[in-house]
């Protein structure tokens, strides 16, 4: 994973409703339409805002990796398997101890 991801999750205020939502944006602040639409679906289906934000962070990480590798819309099973290996080997921070790998 790059030190500075290409995509990240941020909150945005809907101009018409004033509602706060999470969106996925690139480094230049451009919204990723498909990723943001999925976060909208999560919110509309009653998921917690914290759940939507955490899922959004994971999607942003995947999109960032894809940006270095291939177009996310052309991912094959091999790409998904490679991403899974990367996630398993990447240390995960814990609140009460040292970072550990998932795999």
N, C-alpha and C. Protein backbone atom coordinates (compact mmCIF):
# COMPACT_ATOMS: atom_id res chain seq x y z
N UNK A 1 0.85 -1.18 0.00
CA UNK A 1 0.00 0.00 0.00
C UNK A 1 0.89 1.24 0.00
N UNK A 2 0.49 2.27 -0.72
CA UNK A 2 1.27 3.49 -0.71
C UNK A 2 1.10 4.20 0.64
N UNK A 3 2.09 5.01 1.01
CA UNK A 3 1.97 5.74 2.27
C UNK A 3 0.84 6.76 2.21
N UNK A 4 0.65 7.37 1.05
CA UNK A 4 -0.44 8.33 0.89
C UNK A 4 -1.43 7.74 -0.12
N UNK A 5 -2.57 7.24 0.36
CA UNK A 5 -3.50 6.59 -0.57
C UNK A 5 -4.05 7.52 -1.62
N UNK A 6 -4.38 6.93 -2.74
CA UNK A 6 -4.99 7.70 -3.82
C UNK A 6 -6.41 8.09 -3.45
N UNK A 7 -7.11 7.21 -2.75
CA UNK A 7 -8.49 7.47 -2.35
C UNK A 7 -8.61 7.47 -0.84
N UNK A 8 -9.58 8.23 -0.34
CA UNK A 8 -9.85 8.26 1.09
C UNK A 8 -11.34 8.51 1.30
N UNK A 9 -11.75 8.37 2.54
CA UNK A 9 -13.15 8.61 2.90
C UNK A 9 -13.21 9.92 3.65
N UNK A 10 -14.19 10.71 3.32
CA UNK A 10 -14.42 11.97 4.02
C UNK A 10 -15.91 12.18 4.18
N UNK A 11 -16.29 13.06 5.05
CA UNK A 11 -17.72 13.35 5.18
C UNK A 11 -18.05 14.57 4.33
N UNK A 12 -19.27 14.59 3.86
CA UNK A 12 -19.76 15.69 3.03
C UNK A 12 -21.18 16.02 3.48
N UNK A 13 -21.55 17.25 3.29
CA UNK A 13 -22.90 17.69 3.62
C UNK A 13 -23.69 17.83 2.32
N UNK A 14 -24.83 17.15 2.25
CA UNK A 14 -25.69 17.23 1.08
C UNK A 14 -26.24 18.66 1.00
N UNK A 15 -26.10 19.29 -0.16
CA UNK A 15 -26.48 20.70 -0.30
C UNK A 15 -27.98 20.94 -0.15
N UNK A 16 -28.80 19.97 -0.52
CA UNK A 16 -30.24 20.17 -0.46
C UNK A 16 -30.84 19.76 0.88
N UNK A 17 -30.34 18.66 1.46
CA UNK A 17 -30.95 18.15 2.69
C UNK A 17 -30.17 18.54 3.94
N UNK A 18 -28.92 18.91 3.79
CA UNK A 18 -28.08 19.23 4.94
C UNK A 18 -27.59 17.99 5.67
N UNK A 19 -27.90 16.81 5.14
CA UNK A 19 -27.51 15.55 5.77
C UNK A 19 -26.03 15.27 5.55
N UNK A 20 -25.37 14.77 6.60
CA UNK A 20 -23.97 14.40 6.49
C UNK A 20 -23.87 12.98 5.98
N UNK A 21 -23.04 12.76 4.97
CA UNK A 21 -22.80 11.44 4.38
C UNK A 21 -21.31 11.25 4.20
N UNK A 22 -20.91 10.00 4.09
CA UNK A 22 -19.52 9.69 3.78
C UNK A 22 -19.38 9.48 2.28
N UNK A 23 -18.28 9.99 1.74
CA UNK A 23 -17.98 9.87 0.31
C UNK A 23 -16.54 9.42 0.15
N UNK A 24 -16.25 8.80 -0.98
CA UNK A 24 -14.89 8.40 -1.31
C UNK A 24 -14.37 9.39 -2.34
N UNK A 25 -13.21 9.98 -2.05
CA UNK A 25 -12.63 10.99 -2.92
C UNK A 25 -11.18 10.65 -3.25
N UNK A 26 -10.71 11.20 -4.38
CA UNK A 26 -9.31 11.02 -4.73
C UNK A 26 -8.50 12.16 -4.12
N UNK A 27 -7.21 12.18 -4.40
CA UNK A 27 -6.32 13.21 -3.83
C UNK A 27 -6.74 14.63 -4.20
N UNK A 28 -7.38 14.77 -5.36
CA UNK A 28 -7.79 16.09 -5.82
C UNK A 28 -9.19 16.47 -5.35
N UNK A 29 -9.80 15.62 -4.51
CA UNK A 29 -11.13 15.91 -3.99
C UNK A 29 -12.27 15.52 -4.90
N UNK A 30 -11.96 14.81 -5.99
CA UNK A 30 -13.03 14.35 -6.89
C UNK A 30 -13.67 13.09 -6.32
N UNK A 31 -14.97 13.06 -6.31
CA UNK A 31 -15.71 11.95 -5.74
C UNK A 31 -15.63 10.73 -6.66
N UNK A 32 -15.46 9.55 -6.06
CA UNK A 32 -15.51 8.30 -6.81
C UNK A 32 -16.98 7.89 -6.85
N UNK A 33 -17.64 7.98 -8.02
CA UNK A 33 -19.09 7.77 -8.09
C UNK A 33 -19.56 6.40 -7.62
N UNK A 34 -18.92 5.33 -8.06
CA UNK A 34 -19.40 3.99 -7.71
C UNK A 34 -19.17 3.70 -6.22
N UNK A 35 -18.01 4.05 -5.70
CA UNK A 35 -17.73 3.82 -4.28
C UNK A 35 -18.65 4.63 -3.39
N UNK A 36 -18.89 5.86 -3.77
CA UNK A 36 -19.78 6.73 -2.99
C UNK A 36 -21.22 6.25 -3.08
N UNK A 37 -21.63 5.76 -4.23
CA UNK A 37 -22.99 5.22 -4.37
C UNK A 37 -23.18 4.02 -3.45
N UNK A 38 -22.15 3.20 -3.29
CA UNK A 38 -22.25 2.06 -2.39
C UNK A 38 -22.39 2.52 -0.94
N UNK A 39 -21.63 3.55 -0.55
CA UNK A 39 -21.77 4.08 0.80
C UNK A 39 -23.16 4.67 1.01
N UNK A 40 -23.72 5.28 -0.03
CA UNK A 40 -25.09 5.81 0.04
C UNK A 40 -26.08 4.66 0.26
N UNK A 41 -25.86 3.56 -0.44
CA UNK A 41 -26.72 2.38 -0.27
C UNK A 41 -26.66 1.88 1.18
N UNK A 42 -25.45 1.81 1.74
CA UNK A 42 -25.31 1.36 3.12
C UNK A 42 -26.10 2.25 4.07
N UNK A 43 -25.99 3.56 3.87
CA UNK A 43 -26.72 4.50 4.72
C UNK A 43 -28.22 4.36 4.53
N UNK A 44 -28.65 4.26 3.29
CA UNK A 44 -30.09 4.14 3.00
C UNK A 44 -30.68 2.84 3.53
N UNK A 45 -29.85 1.80 3.67
CA UNK A 45 -30.36 0.52 4.16
C UNK A 45 -30.27 0.40 5.68
N UNK A 46 -29.96 1.51 6.34
CA UNK A 46 -29.99 1.55 7.80
C UNK A 46 -28.70 1.19 8.51
N UNK A 47 -27.61 1.07 7.79
CA UNK A 47 -26.34 0.77 8.44
C UNK A 47 -25.88 1.98 9.26
N UNK A 48 -25.15 1.70 10.29
CA UNK A 48 -24.60 2.75 11.14
C UNK A 48 -23.65 3.64 10.33
N UNK A 49 -23.62 4.94 10.61
CA UNK A 49 -22.64 5.80 9.92
C UNK A 49 -21.20 5.33 10.15
N UNK A 50 -20.91 4.80 11.33
CA UNK A 50 -19.55 4.30 11.59
C UNK A 50 -19.24 3.08 10.74
N UNK A 51 -20.23 2.24 10.51
CA UNK A 51 -20.05 1.08 9.64
C UNK A 51 -19.78 1.54 8.21
N UNK A 52 -20.57 2.49 7.73
CA UNK A 52 -20.38 3.02 6.38
C UNK A 52 -18.98 3.63 6.24
N UNK A 53 -18.54 4.36 7.25
CA UNK A 53 -17.20 4.97 7.19
C UNK A 53 -16.12 3.90 7.15
N UNK A 54 -16.23 2.88 8.01
CA UNK A 54 -15.21 1.83 8.04
C UNK A 54 -15.19 1.03 6.74
N UNK A 55 -16.35 0.66 6.22
CA UNK A 55 -16.40 -0.03 4.93
C UNK A 55 -15.82 0.88 3.84
N UNK A 56 -16.12 2.16 3.91
CA UNK A 56 -15.59 3.10 2.94
C UNK A 56 -14.07 3.17 2.97
N UNK A 57 -13.49 3.10 4.16
CA UNK A 57 -12.03 3.10 4.28
C UNK A 57 -11.43 1.87 3.59
N UNK A 58 -12.11 0.75 3.76
CA UNK A 58 -11.61 -0.48 3.13
C UNK A 58 -11.73 -0.40 1.61
N UNK A 59 -12.83 0.13 1.13
CA UNK A 59 -13.01 0.30 -0.32
C UNK A 59 -11.98 1.29 -0.85
N UNK A 60 -11.73 2.37 -0.12
CA UNK A 60 -10.73 3.36 -0.54
C UNK A 60 -9.35 2.72 -0.64
N UNK A 61 -9.01 1.84 0.31
CA UNK A 61 -7.73 1.14 0.24
C UNK A 61 -7.63 0.27 -0.99
N UNK A 62 -8.71 -0.45 -1.28
CA UNK A 62 -8.73 -1.30 -2.48
C UNK A 62 -8.61 -0.46 -3.75
N UNK A 63 -9.37 0.62 -3.82
CA UNK A 63 -9.30 1.50 -5.00
C UNK A 63 -7.91 2.10 -5.16
N UNK A 64 -7.27 2.44 -4.05
CA UNK A 64 -5.91 2.98 -4.11
C UNK A 64 -4.93 1.95 -4.67
N UNK A 65 -5.08 0.72 -4.21
CA UNK A 65 -4.22 -0.35 -4.74
C UNK A 65 -4.50 -0.57 -6.22
N UNK A 66 -5.77 -0.59 -6.59
CA UNK A 66 -6.14 -0.77 -7.99
C UNK A 66 -5.55 0.34 -8.86
N UNK A 67 -5.54 1.56 -8.35
CA UNK A 67 -5.03 2.69 -9.13
C UNK A 67 -3.58 2.49 -9.52
N UNK A 68 -2.84 1.71 -8.73
CA UNK A 68 -1.43 1.43 -9.04
C UNK A 68 -1.27 0.20 -9.91
N UNK A 69 -2.33 -0.61 -10.01
CA UNK A 69 -2.23 -1.92 -10.63
C UNK A 69 -3.02 -2.04 -11.93
N UNK A 70 -4.31 -1.68 -11.87
CA UNK A 70 -5.20 -1.80 -13.02
C UNK A 70 -6.45 -0.98 -12.76
N UNK A 71 -7.31 -0.91 -13.74
CA UNK A 71 -8.60 -0.26 -13.58
C UNK A 71 -9.48 -1.16 -12.73
N UNK A 72 -10.05 -0.64 -11.67
CA UNK A 72 -10.84 -1.46 -10.73
C UNK A 72 -11.99 -2.19 -11.41
N UNK A 73 -12.48 -1.65 -12.52
CA UNK A 73 -13.60 -2.29 -13.24
C UNK A 73 -13.17 -3.52 -14.02
N UNK A 74 -11.87 -3.73 -14.18
CA UNK A 74 -11.37 -4.88 -14.95
C UNK A 74 -10.72 -5.93 -14.05
N UNK A 75 -10.93 -5.85 -12.74
CA UNK A 75 -10.32 -6.79 -11.81
C UNK A 75 -10.77 -8.22 -12.12
N UNK A 76 -9.81 -9.12 -12.09
CA UNK A 76 -10.09 -10.54 -12.31
C UNK A 76 -10.01 -11.27 -10.96
N UNK A 77 -10.32 -12.53 -10.97
CA UNK A 77 -10.20 -13.34 -9.77
C UNK A 77 -8.76 -13.34 -9.26
N UNK A 78 -7.80 -13.32 -10.16
CA UNK A 78 -6.39 -13.28 -9.76
C UNK A 78 -6.07 -11.98 -9.03
N UNK A 79 -6.62 -10.87 -9.49
CA UNK A 79 -6.41 -9.59 -8.80
C UNK A 79 -6.99 -9.64 -7.39
N UNK A 80 -8.19 -10.19 -7.26
CA UNK A 80 -8.83 -10.27 -5.95
C UNK A 80 -8.01 -11.17 -5.01
N UNK A 81 -7.49 -12.28 -5.54
CA UNK A 81 -6.66 -13.17 -4.73
C UNK A 81 -5.39 -12.46 -4.27
N UNK A 82 -4.77 -11.68 -5.15
CA UNK A 82 -3.58 -10.92 -4.78
C UNK A 82 -3.92 -9.88 -3.73
N UNK A 83 -5.02 -9.17 -3.89
CA UNK A 83 -5.44 -8.17 -2.89
C UNK A 83 -5.66 -8.85 -1.53
N UNK A 84 -6.27 -10.01 -1.54
CA UNK A 84 -6.51 -10.74 -0.29
C UNK A 84 -5.19 -11.07 0.39
N UNK A 85 -4.18 -11.48 -0.37
CA UNK A 85 -2.86 -11.78 0.20
C UNK A 85 -2.23 -10.52 0.79
N UNK A 86 -2.39 -9.41 0.11
CA UNK A 86 -1.82 -8.15 0.60
C UNK A 86 -2.48 -7.75 1.91
N UNK A 87 -3.81 -7.85 1.97
CA UNK A 87 -4.53 -7.50 3.20
C UNK A 87 -4.09 -8.42 4.35
N UNK A 88 -3.97 -9.72 4.07
CA UNK A 88 -3.58 -10.67 5.10
C UNK A 88 -2.17 -10.41 5.63
N UNK A 89 -1.29 -9.91 4.79
CA UNK A 89 0.11 -9.69 5.18
C UNK A 89 0.35 -8.29 5.76
N UNK A 90 -0.62 -7.40 5.64
CA UNK A 90 -0.44 -6.03 6.12
C UNK A 90 -0.78 -5.95 7.61
N UNK A 91 0.14 -5.46 8.44
CA UNK A 91 -0.16 -5.36 9.87
C UNK A 91 -1.37 -4.46 10.14
N UNK A 92 -2.19 -4.90 11.08
CA UNK A 92 -3.40 -4.18 11.45
C UNK A 92 -3.17 -3.59 12.84
N UNK A 93 -3.37 -2.28 12.97
CA UNK A 93 -3.20 -1.62 14.25
C UNK A 93 -4.27 -2.05 15.25
N UNK A 94 -3.87 -2.17 16.49
CA UNK A 94 -4.80 -2.53 17.55
C UNK A 94 -4.82 -1.40 18.59
N UNK A 95 -5.90 -1.28 19.30
CA UNK A 95 -5.98 -0.24 20.32
C UNK A 95 -5.27 -0.63 21.60
N UNK A 96 -5.03 -1.93 21.81
CA UNK A 96 -4.45 -2.37 23.07
C UNK A 96 -3.21 -3.25 22.89
N UNK A 97 -2.41 -2.98 21.91
CA UNK A 97 -1.21 -3.78 21.72
C UNK A 97 -0.56 -3.51 20.38
N UNK A 98 0.48 -4.27 20.08
CA UNK A 98 1.19 -4.07 18.82
C UNK A 98 0.34 -4.52 17.62
N UNK A 99 0.68 -3.98 16.47
CA UNK A 99 -0.01 -4.36 15.23
C UNK A 99 0.25 -5.83 14.92
N UNK A 100 -0.77 -6.49 14.39
CA UNK A 100 -0.65 -7.91 14.02
C UNK A 100 -1.18 -8.09 12.60
N UNK A 101 -0.73 -9.15 11.94
CA UNK A 101 -1.25 -9.46 10.61
C UNK A 101 -2.54 -10.25 10.75
N UNK A 102 -3.37 -10.20 9.71
CA UNK A 102 -4.65 -10.89 9.72
C UNK A 102 -4.51 -12.37 9.36
N UNK A 103 -3.45 -12.71 8.64
CA UNK A 103 -3.33 -14.07 8.12
C UNK A 103 -2.50 -14.91 8.93
